[in-house]
């Protein structure tokens, strides 16, 4: 599957996040958090915390990190790796493409 429309560039300011559902090539629904970091970079990660199984999009973004609101784990938006406990497993990271004013995410390209 190719990249899918996630949102418009104007939908998110720095350190903002939007939760969306996209469809993988196998037909499964993937919960995605689309994030604009503090420097204006775009990221897409799996929206489910690997520790608490809650939506990361409900947490805070600071720089290139997103914090899980439930237990305080933070995840690197570039790698998906947890940077603070209690999470110990990474979240999936998906490629993001900006096409004009559209933010596109490829959930099959990780």
C-alpha atoms as a PDB file:
ATOM      1  CA  UNK A   1       0.000   0.000   0.000  1.00  0.00           C
ATOM      2  CA  UNK A   2       1.149   3.532  -0.573  1.00  0.00           C
ATOM      3  CA  UNK A   3       1.108   6.590   1.620  1.00  0.00           C
ATOM      4  CA  UNK A   4      -2.344   7.692   2.734  1.00  0.00           C
ATOM      5  CA  UNK A   5      -3.740  11.120   3.525  1.00  0.00           C
ATOM      6  CA  UNK A   6      -3.464  11.839   7.256  1.00  0.00           C
ATOM      7  CA  UNK A   7      -4.185  15.566   7.613  1.00  0.00           C
ATOM      8  CA  UNK A   8      -3.372  18.983   6.197  1.00  0.00           C
ATOM      9  CA  UNK A   9      -0.134  20.749   7.143  1.00  0.00           C
ATOM     10  CA  UNK A  10      -2.225  23.570   8.624  1.00  0.00           C
ATOM     11  CA  UNK A  11      -4.018  21.155  11.004  1.00  0.00           C
ATOM     12  CA  UNK A  12      -1.101  20.962  13.456  1.00  0.00           C
ATOM     13  CA  UNK A  13       1.172  23.565  14.985  1.00  0.00           C
ATOM     14  CA  UNK A  14       4.503  22.819  16.673  1.00  0.00           C
ATOM     15  CA  UNK A  15       4.261  20.184  19.431  1.00  0.00           C
ATOM     16  CA  UNK A  16       0.728  19.185  18.441  1.00  0.00           C
ATOM     17  CA  UNK A  17      -0.575  15.705  17.719  1.00  0.00           C
ATOM     18  CA  UNK A  18      -3.560  14.251  15.887  1.00  0.00           C
ATOM     19  CA  UNK A  19      -4.965  10.729  16.209  1.00  0.00           C
ATOM     20  CA  UNK A  20      -6.101   9.012  13.019  1.00  0.00           C
ATOM     21  CA  UNK A  21      -6.935   5.516  11.824  1.00  0.00           C
ATOM     22  CA  UNK A  22      -5.334   4.277   8.596  1.00  0.00           C
ATOM     23  CA  UNK A  23      -5.716   0.969   6.768  1.00  0.00           C
ATOM     24  CA  UNK A  24      -2.743  -1.350   6.243  1.00  0.00           C
ATOM     25  CA  UNK A  25      -2.279  -3.437   3.098  1.00  0.00           C
ATOM     26  CA  UNK A  26      -3.678  -6.487   4.915  1.00  0.00           C
ATOM     27  CA  UNK A  27      -6.889  -4.573   5.671  1.00  0.00           C
ATOM     28  CA  UNK A  28      -6.196  -4.072   9.365  1.00  0.00           C
ATOM     29  CA  UNK A  29      -6.821  -0.699  10.967  1.00  0.00           C
ATOM     30  CA  UNK A  30      -3.723   1.009  12.378  1.00  0.00           C
ATOM     31  CA  UNK A  31      -4.065   3.661  15.083  1.00  0.00           C
ATOM     32  CA  UNK A  32      -1.589   6.421  14.204  1.00  0.00           C
ATOM     33  CA  UNK A  33      -0.451   9.559  16.023  1.00  0.00           C
ATOM     34  CA  UNK A  34       0.659  12.233  13.549  1.00  0.00           C
ATOM     35  CA  UNK A  35       2.974  14.670  15.329  1.00  0.00           C
ATOM     36  CA  UNK A  36       4.588  17.983  14.477  1.00  0.00           C
ATOM     37  CA  UNK A  37       7.685  18.459  16.626  1.00  0.00           C
ATOM     38  CA  UNK A  38       8.979  21.715  18.119  1.00  0.00           C
ATOM     39  CA  UNK A  39      11.084  22.448  15.034  1.00  0.00           C
ATOM     40  CA  UNK A  40       8.239  21.809  12.580  1.00  0.00           C
ATOM     41  CA  UNK A  41       9.287  18.265  11.635  1.00  0.00           C
ATOM     42  CA  UNK A  42       6.605  15.668  10.936  1.00  0.00           C
ATOM     43  CA  UNK A  43       6.372  12.215  12.499  1.00  0.00           C
ATOM     44  CA  UNK A  44       3.922   9.313  12.542  1.00  0.00           C
ATOM     45  CA  UNK A  45       3.998   6.591  15.181  1.00  0.00           C
ATOM     46  CA  UNK A  46       1.700   3.852  16.384  1.00  0.00           C
ATOM     47  CA  UNK A  47      -0.709   5.595  18.735  1.00  0.00           C
ATOM     48  CA  UNK A  48      -0.797   2.825  21.366  1.00  0.00           C
ATOM     49  CA  UNK A  49       1.693   2.907  24.257  1.00  0.00           C
ATOM     50  CA  UNK A  50       3.592  -0.378  24.452  1.00  0.00           C
ATOM     51  CA  UNK A  51       3.373  -0.333  28.241  1.00  0.00           C
ATOM     52  CA  UNK A  52      -0.031   1.038  29.181  1.00  0.00           C
ATOM     53  CA  UNK A  53      -2.021   0.322  25.984  1.00  0.00           C
ATOM     54  CA  UNK A  54      -3.456   3.863  25.958  1.00  0.00           C
ATOM     55  CA  UNK A  55      -3.369   6.469  23.202  1.00  0.00           C
ATOM     56  CA  UNK A  56      -0.099   8.386  23.030  1.00  0.00           C
ATOM     57  CA  UNK A  57      -1.933  11.144  21.152  1.00  0.00           C
ATOM     58  CA  UNK A  58      -3.541  12.091  24.478  1.00  0.00           C
ATOM     59  CA  UNK A  59      -0.088  12.873  25.910  1.00  0.00           C
ATOM     60  CA  UNK A  60       2.238  15.847  25.652  1.00  0.00           C
ATOM     61  CA  UNK A  61       4.811  16.499  22.914  1.00  0.00           C
ATOM     62  CA  UNK A  62       8.099  18.149  23.856  1.00  0.00           C
ATOM     63  CA  UNK A  63      10.786  18.533  21.224  1.00  0.00           C
ATOM     64  CA  UNK A  64      11.056  15.142  19.493  1.00  0.00           C
ATOM     65  CA  UNK A  65       9.480  13.181  22.366  1.00  0.00           C
ATOM     66  CA  UNK A  66       5.910  12.198  23.156  1.00  0.00           C
ATOM     67  CA  UNK A  67       4.899  11.340  26.700  1.00  0.00           C
ATOM     68  CA  UNK A  68       2.331   8.727  27.633  1.00  0.00           C
ATOM     69  CA  UNK A  69      -0.175  10.391  29.925  1.00  0.00           C
ATOM     70  CA  UNK A  70      -0.828   7.247  31.987  1.00  0.00           C
ATOM     71  CA  UNK A  71       2.582   6.310  33.431  1.00  0.00           C
ATOM     72  CA  UNK A  72       4.934   8.967  32.030  1.00  0.00           C
ATOM     73  CA  UNK A  73       6.950   6.896  29.557  1.00  0.00           C
ATOM     74  CA  UNK A  74       8.394   8.983  26.740  1.00  0.00           C
ATOM     75  CA  UNK A  75       9.066   7.803  23.198  1.00  0.00           C
ATOM     76  CA  UNK A  76      11.494   9.208  20.626  1.00  0.00           C
ATOM     77  CA  UNK A  77       9.471  10.339  17.606  1.00  0.00           C
ATOM     78  CA  UNK A  78      12.295   9.461  15.189  1.00  0.00           C
ATOM     79  CA  UNK A  79      12.992   5.909  16.344  1.00  0.00           C
ATOM     80  CA  UNK A  80       9.955   4.947  18.416  1.00  0.00           C
ATOM     81  CA  UNK A  81      12.303   3.856  21.216  1.00  0.00           C
ATOM     82  CA  UNK A  82      11.210   4.489  24.803  1.00  0.00           C
ATOM     83  CA  UNK A  83      13.482   7.012  26.512  1.00  0.00           C
ATOM     84  CA  UNK A  84      12.065   6.704  30.034  1.00  0.00           C
ATOM     85  CA  UNK A  85      10.477   3.807  31.930  1.00  0.00           C
ATOM     86  CA  UNK A  86       8.244   2.018  32.522  1.00  0.00           C
ATOM     87  CA  UNK A  87       7.905   1.281  28.772  1.00  0.00           C
ATOM     88  CA  UNK A  88      10.672  -0.968  27.441  1.00  0.00           C
ATOM     89  CA  UNK A  89       9.431  -1.773  23.913  1.00  0.00           C
ATOM     90  CA  UNK A  90       9.385   0.701  21.022  1.00  0.00           C
ATOM     91  CA  UNK A  91       6.327   1.854  19.104  1.00  0.00           C
ATOM     92  CA  UNK A  92       6.246   1.501  15.323  1.00  0.00           C
ATOM     93  CA  UNK A  93       7.357   4.551  13.339  1.00  0.00           C
ATOM     94  CA  UNK A  94       5.887   5.232   9.891  1.00  0.00           C
ATOM     95  CA  UNK A  95       7.314   7.246   6.972  1.00  0.00           C
ATOM     96  CA  UNK A  96       5.776  10.696   6.474  1.00  0.00           C
ATOM     97  CA  UNK A  97       5.698  12.612   3.198  1.00  0.00           C
ATOM     98  CA  UNK A  98       4.546  16.200   2.717  1.00  0.00           C
ATOM     99  CA  UNK A  99       2.866  16.693  -0.659  1.00  0.00           C
ATOM    100  CA  UNK A 100       1.802  20.291  -1.126  1.00  0.00           C
ATOM    101  CA  UNK A 101      -0.427  20.948   1.884  1.00  0.00           C
ATOM    102  CA  UNK A 102      -1.112  17.275   2.613  1.00  0.00           C
ATOM    103  CA  UNK A 103       0.578  15.073   5.214  1.00  0.00           C
ATOM    104  CA  UNK A 104       0.810  11.484   3.947  1.00  0.00           C
ATOM    105  CA  UNK A 105       1.668   8.428   6.060  1.00  0.00           C
ATOM    106  CA  UNK A 106       2.687   4.942   4.901  1.00  0.00           C
ATOM    107  CA  UNK A 107       1.726   2.424   7.604  1.00  0.00           C
ATOM    108  CA  UNK A 108       3.244  -0.402   5.553  1.00  0.00           C
ATOM    109  CA  UNK A 109       6.605   1.314   5.151  1.00  0.00           C
ATOM    110  CA  UNK A 110       8.110   0.873   8.623  1.00  0.00           C
END
